[in-house]
Amino acid sequence: MSVPTPGQTVGPFFGFALPYPGDSQLVPPGRADAVRLFGRVLDGHGAPVPDALLEIRQAGPDGRVPAGPGSLRRDGWTFTGWGRAGTDDEGRWTFSTLRPTAPGAGAAFFAVALVARGLTDRLFTRIYLPDDPAALDRDPLLAALPPDRRATLVAWPEDGGFRFDVVLQGDGETVFLTYPRVPSR
């Protein structure tokens, strides 16, 4: 007879294994065209999640997603299109990056993967900037959502940057995505 074992989750062990110097700086914060993207990760009760890890992947201002090697190396000027940020005790995270440009008719976005304690797999979502309402209206993903759910994917201007809070469940839950070709772990 076998003994049942507890289920496995994807955390919490991010604080020592995954951060690296400059991980959240896709470009240096002082760069003239740098944009600050920030927010919090909140649980279903509105409490901060202090041990979450977010990764973003994005197109640059030219509409292309950088595909070269070296995303983990930060040289102080090269835009890599990929970054990682952990949350602090208040669930806060931040990135220094560039505004993405959409290569097609939809709106530009940041692709987000998130892992945190209690999750059995990573979650995927998007962050759209509010700058171009017409592009947001044309975006196929956003157009497929009811307006109240669409709002959970759009950042808002705050403190000279753009704020986006990830709500894991409950009222105002962020829309999470599935990708059929991305295997579960």
N, C-alpha and C. Protein backbone atom coordinates (compact mmCIF):
# COMPACT_ATOMS: atom_id res chain seq x y z
N MET A 1 0.84 -1.17 0.00
CA MET A 1 0.00 0.00 0.00
C MET A 1 0.89 1.25 0.00
N SER A 2 0.58 2.17 -0.88
CA SER A 2 1.38 3.40 -0.94
C SER A 2 0.76 4.47 -0.06
N VAL A 3 1.60 5.35 0.42
CA VAL A 3 1.17 6.44 1.28
C VAL A 3 1.00 7.69 0.42
N PRO A 4 -0.14 8.37 0.56
CA PRO A 4 -0.31 9.59 -0.24
C PRO A 4 0.74 10.63 0.13
N THR A 5 1.18 11.36 -0.86
CA THR A 5 2.15 12.43 -0.63
C THR A 5 1.48 13.77 -0.92
N PRO A 6 1.99 14.83 -0.31
CA PRO A 6 1.39 16.14 -0.56
C PRO A 6 1.65 16.60 -1.99
N GLY A 7 0.75 17.43 -2.49
CA GLY A 7 0.93 18.00 -3.81
C GLY A 7 2.12 18.94 -3.84
N GLN A 8 2.66 19.14 -5.00
CA GLN A 8 3.80 20.03 -5.16
C GLN A 8 3.33 21.38 -5.67
N THR A 9 3.97 22.42 -5.20
CA THR A 9 3.70 23.76 -5.71
C THR A 9 4.98 24.31 -6.32
N VAL A 10 4.85 25.46 -6.99
CA VAL A 10 6.00 26.05 -7.65
C VAL A 10 6.81 26.97 -6.74
N GLY A 11 6.50 27.03 -5.46
CA GLY A 11 7.27 27.91 -4.58
C GLY A 11 6.96 27.61 -3.13
N PRO A 12 7.48 28.34 -2.20
CA PRO A 12 8.31 29.55 -2.35
C PRO A 12 9.79 29.25 -2.16
N PHE A 13 10.57 29.49 -3.17
CA PHE A 13 12.02 29.36 -3.05
C PHE A 13 12.71 30.26 -4.05
N PHE A 14 12.02 31.30 -4.48
CA PHE A 14 12.54 32.13 -5.55
C PHE A 14 13.64 33.09 -5.09
N GLY A 15 13.57 33.54 -3.84
CA GLY A 15 14.45 34.58 -3.36
C GLY A 15 15.92 34.26 -3.43
N PHE A 16 16.30 32.99 -3.36
CA PHE A 16 17.72 32.67 -3.38
C PHE A 16 18.15 32.04 -4.70
N ALA A 17 17.26 31.51 -5.48
CA ALA A 17 17.67 30.74 -6.65
C ALA A 17 17.57 31.50 -7.97
N LEU A 18 16.69 32.44 -8.08
CA LEU A 18 16.43 33.01 -9.39
C LEU A 18 16.84 34.47 -9.61
N PRO A 19 16.91 35.32 -8.60
CA PRO A 19 17.33 36.71 -8.86
C PRO A 19 18.78 36.78 -9.34
N TYR A 20 19.08 37.79 -10.12
CA TYR A 20 20.45 38.04 -10.57
C TYR A 20 20.61 39.54 -10.74
N PRO A 21 21.82 40.05 -10.77
CA PRO A 21 22.03 41.50 -10.87
C PRO A 21 21.37 42.09 -12.11
N GLY A 22 20.57 43.13 -11.91
CA GLY A 22 19.91 43.80 -13.01
C GLY A 22 18.73 43.06 -13.60
N ASP A 23 18.23 42.05 -12.91
CA ASP A 23 17.18 41.20 -13.47
C ASP A 23 15.93 41.96 -13.90
N SER A 24 15.57 43.01 -13.19
CA SER A 24 14.35 43.76 -13.51
C SER A 24 14.64 45.00 -14.36
N GLN A 25 15.88 45.17 -14.77
CA GLN A 25 16.26 46.34 -15.57
C GLN A 25 16.53 45.93 -17.01
N LEU A 26 15.48 45.95 -17.82
CA LEU A 26 15.65 45.64 -19.24
C LEU A 26 16.43 46.76 -19.91
N VAL A 27 16.34 47.94 -19.33
CA VAL A 27 17.19 49.08 -19.66
C VAL A 27 17.48 49.80 -18.35
N PRO A 28 18.56 50.57 -18.27
CA PRO A 28 18.85 51.30 -17.03
C PRO A 28 17.73 52.29 -16.70
N PRO A 29 17.36 52.43 -15.42
CA PRO A 29 16.27 53.34 -15.04
C PRO A 29 16.50 54.79 -15.45
N GLY A 30 17.73 55.24 -15.56
CA GLY A 30 18.01 56.62 -15.92
C GLY A 30 18.01 56.90 -17.42
N ARG A 31 17.84 55.89 -18.22
CA ARG A 31 17.84 56.07 -19.68
C ARG A 31 16.67 56.97 -20.08
N ALA A 32 16.89 57.85 -21.05
CA ALA A 32 15.89 58.86 -21.42
C ALA A 32 14.55 58.27 -21.82
N ASP A 33 14.53 57.13 -22.49
CA ASP A 33 13.28 56.54 -22.95
C ASP A 33 12.80 55.38 -22.06
N ALA A 34 13.38 55.25 -20.88
CA ALA A 34 12.98 54.18 -19.95
C ALA A 34 11.57 54.44 -19.42
N VAL A 35 10.85 53.36 -19.23
CA VAL A 35 9.51 53.39 -18.65
C VAL A 35 9.53 52.53 -17.40
N ARG A 36 8.94 53.02 -16.34
CA ARG A 36 8.82 52.23 -15.12
C ARG A 36 7.48 51.51 -15.13
N LEU A 37 7.52 50.18 -15.07
CA LEU A 37 6.34 49.33 -14.99
C LEU A 37 6.37 48.70 -13.61
N PHE A 38 5.31 48.89 -12.84
CA PHE A 38 5.35 48.42 -11.46
C PHE A 38 3.95 48.05 -10.98
N GLY A 39 3.89 47.44 -9.81
CA GLY A 39 2.61 47.07 -9.23
C GLY A 39 2.79 46.17 -8.03
N ARG A 40 1.73 45.44 -7.75
CA ARG A 40 1.74 44.50 -6.62
C ARG A 40 1.10 43.20 -7.05
N VAL A 41 1.43 42.13 -6.35
CA VAL A 41 0.75 40.85 -6.50
C VAL A 41 -0.07 40.67 -5.23
N LEU A 42 -1.37 40.44 -5.42
CA LEU A 42 -2.30 40.33 -4.30
C LEU A 42 -3.05 39.00 -4.36
N ASP A 43 -3.32 38.44 -3.17
CA ASP A 43 -4.09 37.20 -3.13
C ASP A 43 -5.59 37.51 -3.18
N GLY A 44 -6.41 36.51 -3.02
CA GLY A 44 -7.86 36.66 -3.11
C GLY A 44 -8.49 37.52 -2.04
N HIS A 45 -7.75 37.79 -0.96
CA HIS A 45 -8.25 38.63 0.12
C HIS A 45 -7.67 40.04 0.04
N GLY A 46 -6.89 40.32 -1.00
CA GLY A 46 -6.26 41.63 -1.14
C GLY A 46 -4.96 41.77 -0.37
N ALA A 47 -4.48 40.67 0.20
CA ALA A 47 -3.21 40.69 0.95
C ALA A 47 -2.04 40.55 -0.03
N PRO A 48 -0.91 41.19 0.28
CA PRO A 48 0.25 41.09 -0.61
C PRO A 48 0.83 39.68 -0.62
N VAL A 49 1.36 39.29 -1.76
CA VAL A 49 2.07 38.02 -1.90
C VAL A 49 3.56 38.36 -1.93
N PRO A 50 4.27 38.09 -0.82
CA PRO A 50 5.65 38.56 -0.69
C PRO A 50 6.71 37.72 -1.39
N ASP A 51 6.34 36.61 -1.97
CA ASP A 51 7.35 35.74 -2.55
C ASP A 51 6.99 35.30 -3.97
N ALA A 52 6.36 36.20 -4.71
CA ALA A 52 6.05 35.91 -6.11
C ALA A 52 7.21 36.33 -6.99
N LEU A 53 7.23 35.82 -8.19
CA LEU A 53 8.25 36.16 -9.17
C LEU A 53 7.54 36.37 -10.50
N LEU A 54 7.79 37.53 -11.12
CA LEU A 54 7.21 37.85 -12.42
C LEU A 54 8.32 37.88 -13.46
N GLU A 55 8.02 37.37 -14.64
CA GLU A 55 8.92 37.50 -15.77
C GLU A 55 8.14 38.17 -16.89
N ILE A 56 8.78 39.12 -17.57
CA ILE A 56 8.14 39.75 -18.72
C ILE A 56 8.96 39.49 -19.97
N ARG A 57 8.26 39.43 -21.08
CA ARG A 57 8.86 39.32 -22.42
C ARG A 57 8.10 40.31 -23.27
N GLN A 58 8.81 41.07 -24.10
CA GLN A 58 8.13 42.12 -24.83
C GLN A 58 8.87 42.50 -26.11
N ALA A 59 8.12 43.15 -26.99
CA ALA A 59 8.71 43.77 -28.17
C ALA A 59 9.33 45.09 -27.75
N GLY A 60 10.26 45.54 -28.53
CA GLY A 60 10.85 46.85 -28.29
C GLY A 60 10.09 47.94 -29.03
N PRO A 61 10.61 49.15 -29.01
CA PRO A 61 9.96 50.25 -29.72
C PRO A 61 9.88 50.04 -31.23
N ASP A 62 10.72 49.14 -31.76
CA ASP A 62 10.69 48.84 -33.19
C ASP A 62 9.68 47.74 -33.54
N GLY A 63 8.97 47.20 -32.54
CA GLY A 63 7.98 46.16 -32.79
C GLY A 63 8.54 44.75 -32.84
N ARG A 64 9.85 44.61 -32.66
CA ARG A 64 10.48 43.28 -32.70
C ARG A 64 10.80 42.80 -31.29
N VAL A 65 10.62 41.51 -31.06
CA VAL A 65 11.03 40.90 -29.80
C VAL A 65 12.47 40.45 -29.96
N PRO A 66 13.40 40.97 -29.17
CA PRO A 66 14.80 40.53 -29.29
C PRO A 66 14.90 39.01 -29.13
N ALA A 67 15.66 38.38 -30.00
CA ALA A 67 15.78 36.92 -29.97
C ALA A 67 17.20 36.46 -29.76
N GLY A 68 18.12 37.37 -29.56
CA GLY A 68 19.51 36.99 -29.40
C GLY A 68 19.78 36.39 -28.03
N PRO A 69 20.90 35.69 -27.89
CA PRO A 69 21.27 35.14 -26.59
C PRO A 69 21.70 36.27 -25.64
N GLY A 70 21.73 35.95 -24.39
CA GLY A 70 22.27 36.91 -23.42
C GLY A 70 21.24 37.67 -22.63
N SER A 71 20.02 37.20 -22.55
CA SER A 71 18.99 37.91 -21.79
C SER A 71 19.34 38.06 -20.32
N LEU A 72 20.15 37.16 -19.78
CA LEU A 72 20.52 37.24 -18.37
C LEU A 72 21.67 38.22 -18.14
N ARG A 73 22.36 38.60 -19.20
CA ARG A 73 23.47 39.56 -19.05
C ARG A 73 22.96 40.97 -19.27
N ARG A 74 23.27 41.84 -18.33
CA ARG A 74 22.90 43.24 -18.45
C ARG A 74 24.18 44.04 -18.64
N ASP A 75 24.31 44.70 -19.79
CA ASP A 75 25.52 45.45 -20.07
C ASP A 75 25.34 46.95 -19.85
N GLY A 76 24.14 47.37 -19.46
CA GLY A 76 23.91 48.78 -19.17
C GLY A 76 23.32 49.58 -20.31
N TRP A 77 23.17 48.98 -21.50
CA TRP A 77 22.55 49.74 -22.59
C TRP A 77 21.73 48.88 -23.54
N THR A 78 22.03 47.60 -23.70
CA THR A 78 21.33 46.76 -24.65
C THR A 78 19.97 46.33 -24.11
N PHE A 79 18.92 46.58 -24.87
CA PHE A 79 17.57 46.14 -24.52
C PHE A 79 17.43 44.66 -24.85
N THR A 80 17.08 43.86 -23.85
CA THR A 80 17.02 42.41 -24.03
C THR A 80 15.61 41.88 -24.27
N GLY A 81 14.58 42.66 -23.93
CA GLY A 81 13.21 42.21 -24.14
C GLY A 81 12.71 41.22 -23.10
N TRP A 82 13.54 40.89 -22.11
CA TRP A 82 13.15 39.92 -21.09
C TRP A 82 13.70 40.37 -19.73
N GLY A 83 12.88 40.19 -18.70
CA GLY A 83 13.33 40.52 -17.36
C GLY A 83 12.57 39.74 -16.31
N ARG A 84 13.09 39.82 -15.08
CA ARG A 84 12.53 39.07 -13.96
C ARG A 84 12.53 39.98 -12.74
N ALA A 85 11.44 39.95 -11.98
CA ALA A 85 11.36 40.75 -10.75
C ALA A 85 10.63 39.96 -9.67
N GLY A 86 11.21 39.92 -8.51
CA GLY A 86 10.56 39.32 -7.36
C GLY A 86 9.76 40.38 -6.62
N THR A 87 8.83 39.93 -5.80
CA THR A 87 8.06 40.86 -4.98
C THR A 87 8.71 41.03 -3.62
N ASP A 88 8.46 42.19 -3.00
CA ASP A 88 8.97 42.43 -1.66
C ASP A 88 7.91 42.03 -0.63
N ASP A 89 8.10 42.38 0.63
CA ASP A 89 7.17 41.99 1.68
C ASP A 89 5.76 42.55 1.50
N GLU A 90 5.64 43.62 0.72
CA GLU A 90 4.34 44.23 0.45
C GLU A 90 3.77 43.79 -0.91
N GLY A 91 4.40 42.80 -1.52
CA GLY A 91 3.94 42.30 -2.81
C GLY A 91 4.31 43.20 -3.98
N ARG A 92 5.19 44.18 -3.76
CA ARG A 92 5.56 45.13 -4.82
C ARG A 92 6.64 44.57 -5.73
N TRP A 93 6.53 44.92 -7.01
CA TRP A 93 7.52 44.57 -8.02
C TRP A 93 7.70 45.77 -8.95
N THR A 94 8.81 45.81 -9.68
CA THR A 94 9.05 46.91 -10.62
C THR A 94 10.02 46.48 -11.72
N PHE A 95 9.81 47.03 -12.92
CA PHE A 95 10.71 46.85 -14.05
C PHE A 95 11.08 48.21 -14.62
N SER A 96 12.28 48.33 -15.13
CA SER A 96 12.69 49.47 -15.93
C SER A 96 12.85 48.94 -17.35
N THR A 97 12.02 49.45 -18.27
CA THR A 97 11.98 48.88 -19.61
C THR A 97 11.68 49.95 -20.64
N LEU A 98 11.35 49.55 -21.83
CA LEU A 98 10.95 50.45 -22.91
C LEU A 98 9.49 50.20 -23.27
N ARG A 99 8.85 51.19 -23.88
CA ARG A 99 7.48 51.00 -24.37
C ARG A 99 7.53 50.04 -25.55
N PRO A 100 6.71 49.00 -25.49
CA PRO A 100 6.65 48.10 -26.65
C PRO A 100 5.80 48.72 -27.76
N THR A 101 6.05 48.28 -28.99
CA THR A 101 5.23 48.67 -30.13
C THR A 101 4.69 47.39 -30.74
N ALA A 102 3.41 47.40 -31.06
CA ALA A 102 2.79 46.21 -31.66
C ALA A 102 3.21 46.09 -33.12
N PRO A 103 3.59 44.90 -33.54
CA PRO A 103 3.99 44.72 -34.94
C PRO A 103 2.79 44.67 -35.88
N GLY A 104 1.60 44.37 -35.36
CA GLY A 104 0.42 44.24 -36.22
C GLY A 104 -0.67 45.23 -35.84
N ALA A 105 -1.90 44.84 -36.05
CA ALA A 105 -3.04 45.73 -35.83
C ALA A 105 -3.46 45.83 -34.37
N GLY A 106 -3.07 44.89 -33.55
CA GLY A 106 -3.48 44.91 -32.14
C GLY A 106 -2.69 45.90 -31.32
N ALA A 107 -2.86 45.82 -30.03
CA ALA A 107 -2.16 46.70 -29.10
C ALA A 107 -0.88 46.04 -28.61
N ALA A 108 0.11 46.86 -28.32
CA ALA A 108 1.36 46.35 -27.76
C ALA A 108 1.11 45.90 -26.33
N PHE A 109 1.86 44.89 -25.89
CA PHE A 109 1.68 44.38 -24.54
C PHE A 109 2.98 43.79 -24.03
N PHE A 110 3.01 43.59 -22.72
CA PHE A 110 4.06 42.85 -22.05
C PHE A 110 3.49 41.47 -21.76
N ALA A 111 4.14 40.42 -22.18
CA ALA A 111 3.74 39.05 -21.82
C ALA A 111 4.31 38.77 -20.44
N VAL A 112 3.48 38.22 -19.55
CA VAL A 112 3.88 38.01 -18.15
C VAL A 112 3.70 36.54 -17.78
N ALA A 113 4.70 35.99 -17.11
CA ALA A 113 4.60 34.69 -16.46
C ALA A 113 4.82 34.94 -14.97
N LEU A 114 4.02 34.30 -14.13
CA LEU A 114 4.10 34.53 -12.70
C LEU A 114 4.10 33.20 -11.96
N VAL A 115 4.98 33.09 -10.98
CA VAL A 115 4.99 31.95 -10.07
C VAL A 115 4.92 32.49 -8.65
N ALA A 116 4.28 31.74 -7.77
CA ALA A 116 4.13 32.17 -6.37
C ALA A 116 3.78 30.96 -5.53
N ARG A 117 3.91 31.12 -4.23
CA ARG A 117 3.57 30.04 -3.30
C ARG A 117 2.12 29.62 -3.52
N GLY A 118 1.89 28.35 -3.38
CA GLY A 118 0.54 27.83 -3.48
C GLY A 118 0.07 27.54 -4.90
N LEU A 119 0.78 28.02 -5.90
CA LEU A 119 0.40 27.73 -7.28
C LEU A 119 1.02 26.41 -7.71
N THR A 120 0.25 25.62 -8.43
CA THR A 120 0.79 24.35 -8.90
C THR A 120 1.49 24.48 -10.24
N ASP A 121 1.34 25.61 -10.90
CA ASP A 121 2.00 25.87 -12.17
C ASP A 121 2.09 27.38 -12.34
N ARG A 122 2.86 27.82 -13.29
CA ARG A 122 2.96 29.26 -13.54
C ARG A 122 1.66 29.77 -14.17
N LEU A 123 1.43 31.05 -14.00
CA LEU A 123 0.28 31.72 -14.60
C LEU A 123 0.78 32.65 -15.69
N PHE A 124 -0.01 32.83 -16.72
CA PHE A 124 0.32 33.74 -17.82
C PHE A 124 -0.74 34.83 -17.91
N THR A 125 -0.30 36.05 -18.19
CA THR A 125 -1.22 37.15 -18.44
C THR A 125 -0.52 38.15 -19.34
N ARG A 126 -1.17 39.26 -19.57
CA ARG A 126 -0.59 40.33 -20.36
C ARG A 126 -0.81 41.65 -19.63
N ILE A 127 0.08 42.60 -19.93
CA ILE A 127 -0.08 43.97 -19.45
C ILE A 127 -0.10 44.87 -20.67
N TYR A 128 -1.20 45.57 -20.86
CA TYR A 128 -1.32 46.56 -21.93
C TYR A 128 -1.17 47.96 -21.33
N LEU A 129 -0.59 48.87 -22.09
CA LEU A 129 -0.51 50.27 -21.67
C LEU A 129 -1.75 51.00 -22.19
N PRO A 130 -2.22 52.01 -21.46
CA PRO A 130 -3.48 52.67 -21.81
C PRO A 130 -3.36 53.77 -22.86
N ASP A 131 -2.18 53.96 -23.45
CA ASP A 131 -1.91 55.12 -24.31
C ASP A 131 -2.77 55.24 -25.56
N ASP A 132 -3.14 54.11 -26.15
CA ASP A 132 -3.82 54.14 -27.45
C ASP A 132 -5.15 53.37 -27.36
N PRO A 133 -6.23 54.05 -26.94
CA PRO A 133 -7.53 53.37 -26.79
C PRO A 133 -8.00 52.69 -28.08
N ALA A 134 -7.72 53.28 -29.24
CA ALA A 134 -8.14 52.67 -30.51
C ALA A 134 -7.44 51.33 -30.71
N ALA A 135 -6.15 51.26 -30.40
CA ALA A 135 -5.41 49.99 -30.54
C ALA A 135 -5.94 48.97 -29.54
N LEU A 136 -6.27 49.40 -28.33
CA LEU A 136 -6.84 48.48 -27.34
C LEU A 136 -8.17 47.92 -27.85
N ASP A 137 -8.98 48.76 -28.48
CA ASP A 137 -10.27 48.31 -29.03
C ASP A 137 -10.08 47.32 -30.18
N ARG A 138 -8.99 47.44 -30.93
CA ARG A 138 -8.72 46.54 -32.07
C ARG A 138 -8.07 45.23 -31.65
N ASP A 139 -7.51 45.18 -30.45
CA ASP A 139 -6.77 44.00 -30.04
C ASP A 139 -7.71 42.79 -29.94
N PRO A 140 -7.41 41.69 -30.62
CA PRO A 140 -8.32 40.53 -30.62
C PRO A 140 -8.57 39.95 -29.23
N LEU A 141 -7.55 39.84 -28.40
CA LEU A 141 -7.75 39.27 -27.07
C LEU A 141 -8.65 40.18 -26.24
N LEU A 142 -8.33 41.46 -26.20
CA LEU A 142 -9.13 42.39 -25.40
C LEU A 142 -10.56 42.48 -25.91
N ALA A 143 -10.73 42.46 -27.23
CA ALA A 143 -12.07 42.55 -27.81
C ALA A 143 -12.94 41.35 -27.45
N ALA A 144 -12.31 40.23 -27.15
CA ALA A 144 -13.06 39.02 -26.80
C ALA A 144 -13.51 38.99 -25.34
N LEU A 145 -13.08 39.97 -24.56
CA LEU A 145 -13.40 39.99 -23.13
C LEU A 145 -14.48 41.01 -22.81
N PRO A 146 -15.31 40.74 -21.79
CA PRO A 146 -16.25 41.77 -21.32
C PRO A 146 -15.45 42.96 -20.78
N PRO A 147 -15.99 44.18 -20.88
CA PRO A 147 -15.24 45.37 -20.46
C PRO A 147 -14.65 45.31 -19.05
N ASP A 148 -15.38 44.74 -18.09
CA ASP A 148 -14.84 44.69 -16.72
C ASP A 148 -13.65 43.74 -16.62
N ARG A 149 -13.64 42.69 -17.41
CA ARG A 149 -12.51 41.76 -17.41
C ARG A 149 -11.34 42.33 -18.20
N ARG A 150 -11.63 43.05 -19.28
CA ARG A 150 -10.61 43.69 -20.09
C ARG A 150 -9.78 44.64 -19.24
N ALA A 151 -10.45 45.36 -18.35
CA ALA A 151 -9.77 46.34 -17.50
C ALA A 151 -8.69 45.71 -16.62
N THR A 152 -8.80 44.40 -16.35
CA THR A 152 -7.79 43.75 -15.50
C THR A 152 -6.47 43.52 -16.23
N LEU A 153 -6.42 43.82 -17.52
CA LEU A 153 -5.20 43.65 -18.30
C LEU A 153 -4.56 44.97 -18.71
N VAL A 154 -5.15 46.09 -18.31
CA VAL A 154 -4.65 47.40 -18.73
C VAL A 154 -4.05 48.14 -17.53
N ALA A 155 -2.79 48.53 -17.66
CA ALA A 155 -2.11 49.30 -16.61
C ALA A 155 -2.68 50.72 -16.61
N TRP A 156 -2.37 51.46 -15.56
CA TRP A 156 -2.80 52.85 -15.50
C TRP A 156 -1.61 53.72 -15.11
N PRO A 157 -1.62 54.99 -15.60
CA PRO A 157 -0.51 55.88 -15.27
C PRO A 157 -0.51 56.22 -13.78
N GLU A 158 0.69 56.18 -13.19
CA GLU A 158 0.84 56.55 -11.77
C GLU A 158 2.31 56.83 -11.50
N ASP A 159 2.57 57.89 -10.78
CA ASP A 159 3.93 58.24 -10.34
C ASP A 159 4.95 58.22 -11.48
N GLY A 160 4.58 58.74 -12.63
CA GLY A 160 5.51 58.81 -13.75
C GLY A 160 5.76 57.50 -14.47
N GLY A 161 5.04 56.44 -14.10
CA GLY A 161 5.19 55.15 -14.75
C GLY A 161 3.82 54.55 -15.00
N PHE A 162 3.77 53.23 -15.07
CA PHE A 162 2.51 52.53 -15.29
C PHE A 162 2.36 51.44 -14.23
N ARG A 163 1.23 51.47 -13.55
CA ARG A 163 0.97 50.52 -12.47
C ARG A 163 0.04 49.42 -12.96
N PHE A 164 0.35 48.20 -12.53
CA PHE A 164 -0.46 47.04 -12.87
C PHE A 164 -0.42 46.08 -11.69
N ASP A 165 -1.55 45.87 -11.06
CA ASP A 165 -1.63 44.93 -9.94
C ASP A 165 -2.16 43.59 -10.45
N VAL A 166 -1.49 42.52 -10.06
CA VAL A 166 -1.92 41.17 -10.38
C VAL A 166 -2.75 40.68 -9.21
N VAL A 167 -4.02 40.37 -9.46
CA VAL A 167 -4.92 39.85 -8.44
C VAL A 167 -5.14 38.38 -8.76
N LEU A 168 -4.70 37.51 -7.85
CA LEU A 168 -4.69 36.07 -8.13
C LEU A 168 -6.07 35.42 -8.15
N GLN A 169 -7.01 35.95 -7.40
CA GLN A 169 -8.38 35.41 -7.42
C GLN A 169 -9.32 36.38 -6.73
N GLY A 170 -10.63 36.11 -6.86
CA GLY A 170 -11.62 36.95 -6.19
C GLY A 170 -12.02 38.17 -7.01
N ASP A 171 -12.54 39.19 -6.33
CA ASP A 171 -12.99 40.40 -7.00
C ASP A 171 -11.83 41.05 -7.75
N GLY A 172 -12.06 41.38 -9.00
CA GLY A 172 -11.03 42.02 -9.80
C GLY A 172 -9.91 41.10 -10.23
N GLU A 173 -10.16 39.78 -10.17
CA GLU A 173 -9.11 38.83 -10.56
C GLU A 173 -8.58 39.15 -11.94
N THR A 174 -7.28 39.14 -12.08
CA THR A 174 -6.62 39.35 -13.36
C THR A 174 -7.01 38.23 -14.32
N VAL A 175 -7.20 38.56 -15.58
CA VAL A 175 -7.44 37.53 -16.59
C VAL A 175 -6.13 36.78 -16.81
N PHE A 176 -6.19 35.46 -16.69
CA PHE A 176 -5.02 34.61 -16.94
C PHE A 176 -5.27 33.82 -18.21
N LEU A 177 -4.20 33.52 -18.92
CA LEU A 177 -4.27 32.91 -20.24
C LEU A 177 -3.71 31.50 -20.23
N THR A 178 -4.14 30.71 -21.18
CA THR A 178 -3.54 29.40 -21.41
C THR A 178 -2.98 29.39 -22.82
N TYR A 179 -1.90 28.67 -22.99
CA TYR A 179 -1.28 28.51 -24.29
C TYR A 179 -1.19 27.02 -24.57
N PRO A 180 -1.95 26.54 -25.54
CA PRO A 180 -2.00 25.09 -25.78
C PRO A 180 -0.65 24.45 -26.06
N ARG A 181 0.29 25.19 -26.63
CA ARG A 181 1.59 24.60 -26.96
C ARG A 181 2.62 24.76 -25.87
N VAL A 182 2.24 25.35 -24.74
CA VAL A 182 3.16 25.48 -23.61
C VAL A 182 2.83 24.37 -22.63
N PRO A 183 3.74 23.41 -22.47
CA PRO A 183 3.44 22.29 -21.58
C PRO A 183 3.43 22.72 -20.11
N SER A 184 2.57 22.05 -19.35
CA SER A 184 2.59 22.25 -17.89
C SER A 184 3.83 21.57 -17.36
N ARG A 185 4.26 22.06 -16.23
CA ARG A 185 5.46 21.46 -15.64
C ARG A 185 5.11 20.21 -14.90
